[in-house]
N, C-alpha and C. Protein backbone atom coordinates (compact mmCIF):
# COMPACT_ATOMS: atom_id res chain seq x y z
N UNK A 1 86.61 154.51 93.63
CA UNK A 1 86.21 153.42 92.77
C UNK A 1 87.46 152.64 92.32
N UNK A 2 87.39 151.37 92.49
CA UNK A 2 88.53 150.55 92.10
C UNK A 2 88.20 149.79 90.83
N UNK A 3 89.18 149.57 90.06
CA UNK A 3 88.98 148.78 88.84
C UNK A 3 89.38 147.35 89.11
N UNK A 4 88.62 146.48 88.57
CA UNK A 4 88.88 145.04 88.76
C UNK A 4 89.42 144.48 87.45
N UNK A 5 90.63 143.99 87.52
CA UNK A 5 91.20 143.35 86.34
C UNK A 5 91.05 141.85 86.48
N UNK A 6 90.55 141.20 85.45
CA UNK A 6 90.38 139.74 85.54
C UNK A 6 91.73 139.04 85.63
N UNK A 7 91.78 138.04 86.45
CA UNK A 7 93.01 137.28 86.64
C UNK A 7 93.07 136.21 85.57
N UNK A 8 94.15 136.21 84.84
CA UNK A 8 94.31 135.19 83.81
C UNK A 8 95.06 134.01 84.40
N UNK A 9 94.58 132.84 84.08
CA UNK A 9 95.25 131.63 84.58
C UNK A 9 96.46 131.34 83.72
N UNK A 10 97.50 131.03 84.41
CA UNK A 10 98.73 130.71 83.71
C UNK A 10 98.67 129.28 83.20
N UNK A 11 99.28 129.02 82.05
CA UNK A 11 99.29 127.65 81.52
C UNK A 11 99.96 126.66 82.46
N UNK A 12 100.93 127.11 83.22
CA UNK A 12 101.62 126.21 84.14
C UNK A 12 100.66 125.72 85.23
N UNK A 13 99.82 126.61 85.72
CA UNK A 13 98.86 126.22 86.75
C UNK A 13 97.85 125.23 86.17
N UNK A 14 97.42 125.46 84.94
CA UNK A 14 96.48 124.54 84.29
C UNK A 14 97.12 123.18 84.06
N UNK A 15 98.38 123.17 83.66
CA UNK A 15 99.10 121.91 83.45
C UNK A 15 99.27 121.16 84.77
N UNK A 16 99.51 121.91 85.83
CA UNK A 16 99.64 121.28 87.15
C UNK A 16 98.34 120.62 87.58
N UNK A 17 97.22 121.29 87.31
CA UNK A 17 95.93 120.70 87.66
C UNK A 17 95.65 119.45 86.84
N UNK A 18 96.00 119.49 85.56
CA UNK A 18 95.80 118.31 84.70
C UNK A 18 96.68 117.15 85.18
N UNK A 19 97.91 117.45 85.54
CA UNK A 19 98.81 116.41 86.03
C UNK A 19 98.30 115.83 87.35
N UNK A 20 97.83 116.69 88.24
CA UNK A 20 97.29 116.22 89.51
C UNK A 20 96.06 115.34 89.29
N UNK A 21 95.19 115.75 88.39
CA UNK A 21 94.00 114.95 88.09
C UNK A 21 94.38 113.60 87.50
N UNK A 22 95.36 113.58 86.60
CA UNK A 22 95.80 112.32 86.00
C UNK A 22 96.40 111.40 87.06
N UNK A 23 97.17 111.96 87.98
CA UNK A 23 97.75 111.14 89.05
C UNK A 23 96.67 110.59 89.98
N UNK A 24 95.67 111.40 90.28
CA UNK A 24 94.57 110.93 91.13
C UNK A 24 93.77 109.83 90.45
N UNK A 25 93.56 109.96 89.15
CA UNK A 25 92.84 108.91 88.42
C UNK A 25 93.65 107.62 88.42
N UNK A 26 94.95 107.73 88.17
CA UNK A 26 95.81 106.53 88.17
C UNK A 26 95.83 105.89 89.56
N UNK A 27 95.90 106.70 90.59
CA UNK A 27 95.87 106.18 91.96
C UNK A 27 94.54 105.52 92.27
N UNK A 28 93.46 106.12 91.81
CA UNK A 28 92.14 105.52 92.02
C UNK A 28 91.99 104.19 91.31
N UNK A 29 92.50 104.10 90.10
CA UNK A 29 92.43 102.84 89.36
C UNK A 29 93.26 101.76 90.05
N UNK A 30 94.47 102.12 90.47
CA UNK A 30 95.33 101.15 91.16
C UNK A 30 94.68 100.71 92.47
N UNK A 31 94.11 101.65 93.22
CA UNK A 31 93.44 101.31 94.46
C UNK A 31 92.22 100.44 94.24
N UNK A 32 91.46 100.76 93.20
CA UNK A 32 90.29 99.95 92.88
C UNK A 32 90.66 98.53 92.48
N UNK A 33 91.70 98.39 91.68
CA UNK A 33 92.16 97.06 91.30
C UNK A 33 92.65 96.27 92.51
N UNK A 34 93.37 96.94 93.40
CA UNK A 34 93.84 96.27 94.61
C UNK A 34 92.66 95.78 95.44
N UNK A 35 91.67 96.67 95.63
CA UNK A 35 90.49 96.27 96.41
C UNK A 35 89.75 95.11 95.73
N UNK A 36 89.65 95.15 94.42
CA UNK A 36 88.99 94.06 93.69
C UNK A 36 89.72 92.74 93.90
N UNK A 37 91.03 92.77 93.74
CA UNK A 37 91.81 91.54 93.90
C UNK A 37 91.74 91.02 95.33
N UNK A 38 91.76 91.92 96.30
CA UNK A 38 91.67 91.51 97.69
C UNK A 38 90.31 90.87 97.96
N UNK A 39 89.25 91.51 97.46
CA UNK A 39 87.90 90.99 97.70
C UNK A 39 87.68 89.65 96.99
N UNK A 40 88.38 89.39 95.92
CA UNK A 40 88.25 88.13 95.22
C UNK A 40 89.10 87.03 95.85
N UNK A 41 89.88 87.39 96.84
CA UNK A 41 90.70 86.40 97.54
C UNK A 41 91.99 86.07 96.83
N UNK A 42 92.43 86.93 95.95
CA UNK A 42 93.65 86.64 95.19
C UNK A 42 94.88 86.57 96.08
N UNK A 43 94.90 87.37 97.15
CA UNK A 43 96.06 87.41 98.01
C UNK A 43 95.88 86.55 99.26
N UNK A 44 94.75 85.88 99.38
CA UNK A 44 94.54 85.06 100.58
C UNK A 44 95.13 83.67 100.35
N UNK A 45 95.16 82.89 101.38
CA UNK A 45 95.71 81.56 101.26
C UNK A 45 97.07 81.41 101.89
N UNK A 46 97.53 82.45 102.57
CA UNK A 46 98.81 82.39 103.25
C UNK A 46 98.57 82.64 104.74
N UNK A 47 98.12 81.63 105.48
CA UNK A 47 97.78 81.85 106.89
C UNK A 47 98.97 82.31 107.73
N UNK A 48 100.17 81.98 107.31
CA UNK A 48 101.35 82.39 108.06
C UNK A 48 101.46 83.92 108.12
N UNK A 49 100.99 84.59 107.04
CA UNK A 49 101.09 86.05 106.95
C UNK A 49 99.76 86.74 107.22
N UNK A 50 98.76 86.02 107.68
CA UNK A 50 97.43 86.56 108.01
C UNK A 50 96.80 87.29 106.83
N UNK A 51 96.89 86.72 105.65
CA UNK A 51 96.35 87.38 104.47
C UNK A 51 94.84 87.30 104.41
N UNK A 52 94.21 86.46 105.22
CA UNK A 52 92.75 86.43 105.22
C UNK A 52 92.19 87.73 105.78
N UNK A 53 92.99 88.45 106.53
CA UNK A 53 92.57 89.75 107.05
C UNK A 53 92.48 90.79 105.94
N UNK A 54 93.25 90.59 104.87
CA UNK A 54 93.19 91.53 103.74
C UNK A 54 91.80 91.60 103.13
N UNK A 55 91.10 90.49 103.08
CA UNK A 55 89.75 90.51 102.51
C UNK A 55 88.82 91.40 103.33
N UNK A 56 88.92 91.33 104.64
CA UNK A 56 88.10 92.18 105.49
C UNK A 56 88.47 93.64 105.32
N UNK A 57 89.75 93.93 105.28
CA UNK A 57 90.21 95.30 105.09
C UNK A 57 89.78 95.82 103.73
N UNK A 58 89.89 94.99 102.70
CA UNK A 58 89.48 95.40 101.36
C UNK A 58 88.00 95.72 101.28
N UNK A 59 87.17 94.91 101.93
CA UNK A 59 85.73 95.18 101.93
C UNK A 59 85.42 96.48 102.67
N UNK A 60 86.11 96.75 103.76
CA UNK A 60 85.91 98.00 104.48
C UNK A 60 86.31 99.20 103.63
N UNK A 61 87.40 99.07 102.89
CA UNK A 61 87.83 100.16 102.01
C UNK A 61 86.80 100.39 100.91
N UNK A 62 86.30 99.31 100.32
CA UNK A 62 85.29 99.44 99.27
C UNK A 62 84.04 100.13 99.82
N UNK A 63 83.61 99.75 101.01
CA UNK A 63 82.43 100.38 101.61
C UNK A 63 82.69 101.85 101.92
N UNK A 64 83.88 102.18 102.41
CA UNK A 64 84.20 103.57 102.73
C UNK A 64 84.23 104.44 101.48
N UNK A 65 84.82 103.92 100.41
CA UNK A 65 84.89 104.69 99.16
C UNK A 65 83.48 104.86 98.57
N UNK A 66 82.67 103.82 98.64
CA UNK A 66 81.30 103.94 98.17
C UNK A 66 80.50 104.95 98.97
N UNK A 67 80.68 104.95 100.28
CA UNK A 67 79.99 105.93 101.13
C UNK A 67 80.46 107.35 100.83
N UNK A 68 81.75 107.52 100.62
CA UNK A 68 82.29 108.84 100.29
C UNK A 68 81.74 109.34 98.96
N UNK A 69 81.70 108.46 97.95
CA UNK A 69 81.15 108.84 96.66
C UNK A 69 79.67 109.21 96.78
N UNK A 70 78.92 108.48 97.58
CA UNK A 70 77.50 108.77 97.77
C UNK A 70 77.31 110.12 98.45
N UNK A 71 78.11 110.39 99.48
CA UNK A 71 77.99 111.67 100.19
C UNK A 71 78.36 112.84 99.28
N UNK A 72 79.45 112.71 98.54
CA UNK A 72 79.86 113.78 97.64
C UNK A 72 78.83 114.01 96.54
N UNK A 73 78.23 112.95 96.04
CA UNK A 73 77.22 113.08 95.00
C UNK A 73 75.99 113.79 95.53
N UNK A 74 75.57 113.46 96.74
CA UNK A 74 74.40 114.13 97.31
C UNK A 74 74.68 115.58 97.64
N UNK A 75 75.90 115.89 98.02
CA UNK A 75 76.24 117.30 98.26
C UNK A 75 76.19 118.08 96.95
N UNK A 76 76.63 117.45 95.85
CA UNK A 76 76.60 118.11 94.55
C UNK A 76 75.17 118.35 94.11
N UNK A 77 74.28 117.37 94.33
CA UNK A 77 72.89 117.51 93.95
C UNK A 77 72.22 118.60 94.79
N UNK A 78 72.53 118.65 96.09
CA UNK A 78 71.93 119.66 96.95
C UNK A 78 72.41 121.06 96.60
N UNK A 79 73.62 121.19 96.05
CA UNK A 79 74.11 122.51 95.65
C UNK A 79 73.36 123.06 94.45
N UNK A 80 72.78 122.20 93.63
CA UNK A 80 72.04 122.65 92.46
C UNK A 80 70.72 123.31 92.83
N UNK A 81 70.17 122.97 93.99
CA UNK A 81 68.87 123.53 94.39
C UNK A 81 68.93 124.96 94.81
């Protein structure tokens, strides 16, 4: 018979997870703002640099992120059953 001792989480590991989550949130906000500005045409108008392509890329990124969020949400709902 073996005894099972509960593993205690170290504060450093918890702080690392909080820092990682904060960085991911900041990255998500920056990415969302970039996609919003691109979709609004803020960076377009420079045909020499092909910036009109940014609007298409931005819309594709927005669609991909929306699809990913939808898939993850449905997986979470299916796990509850």
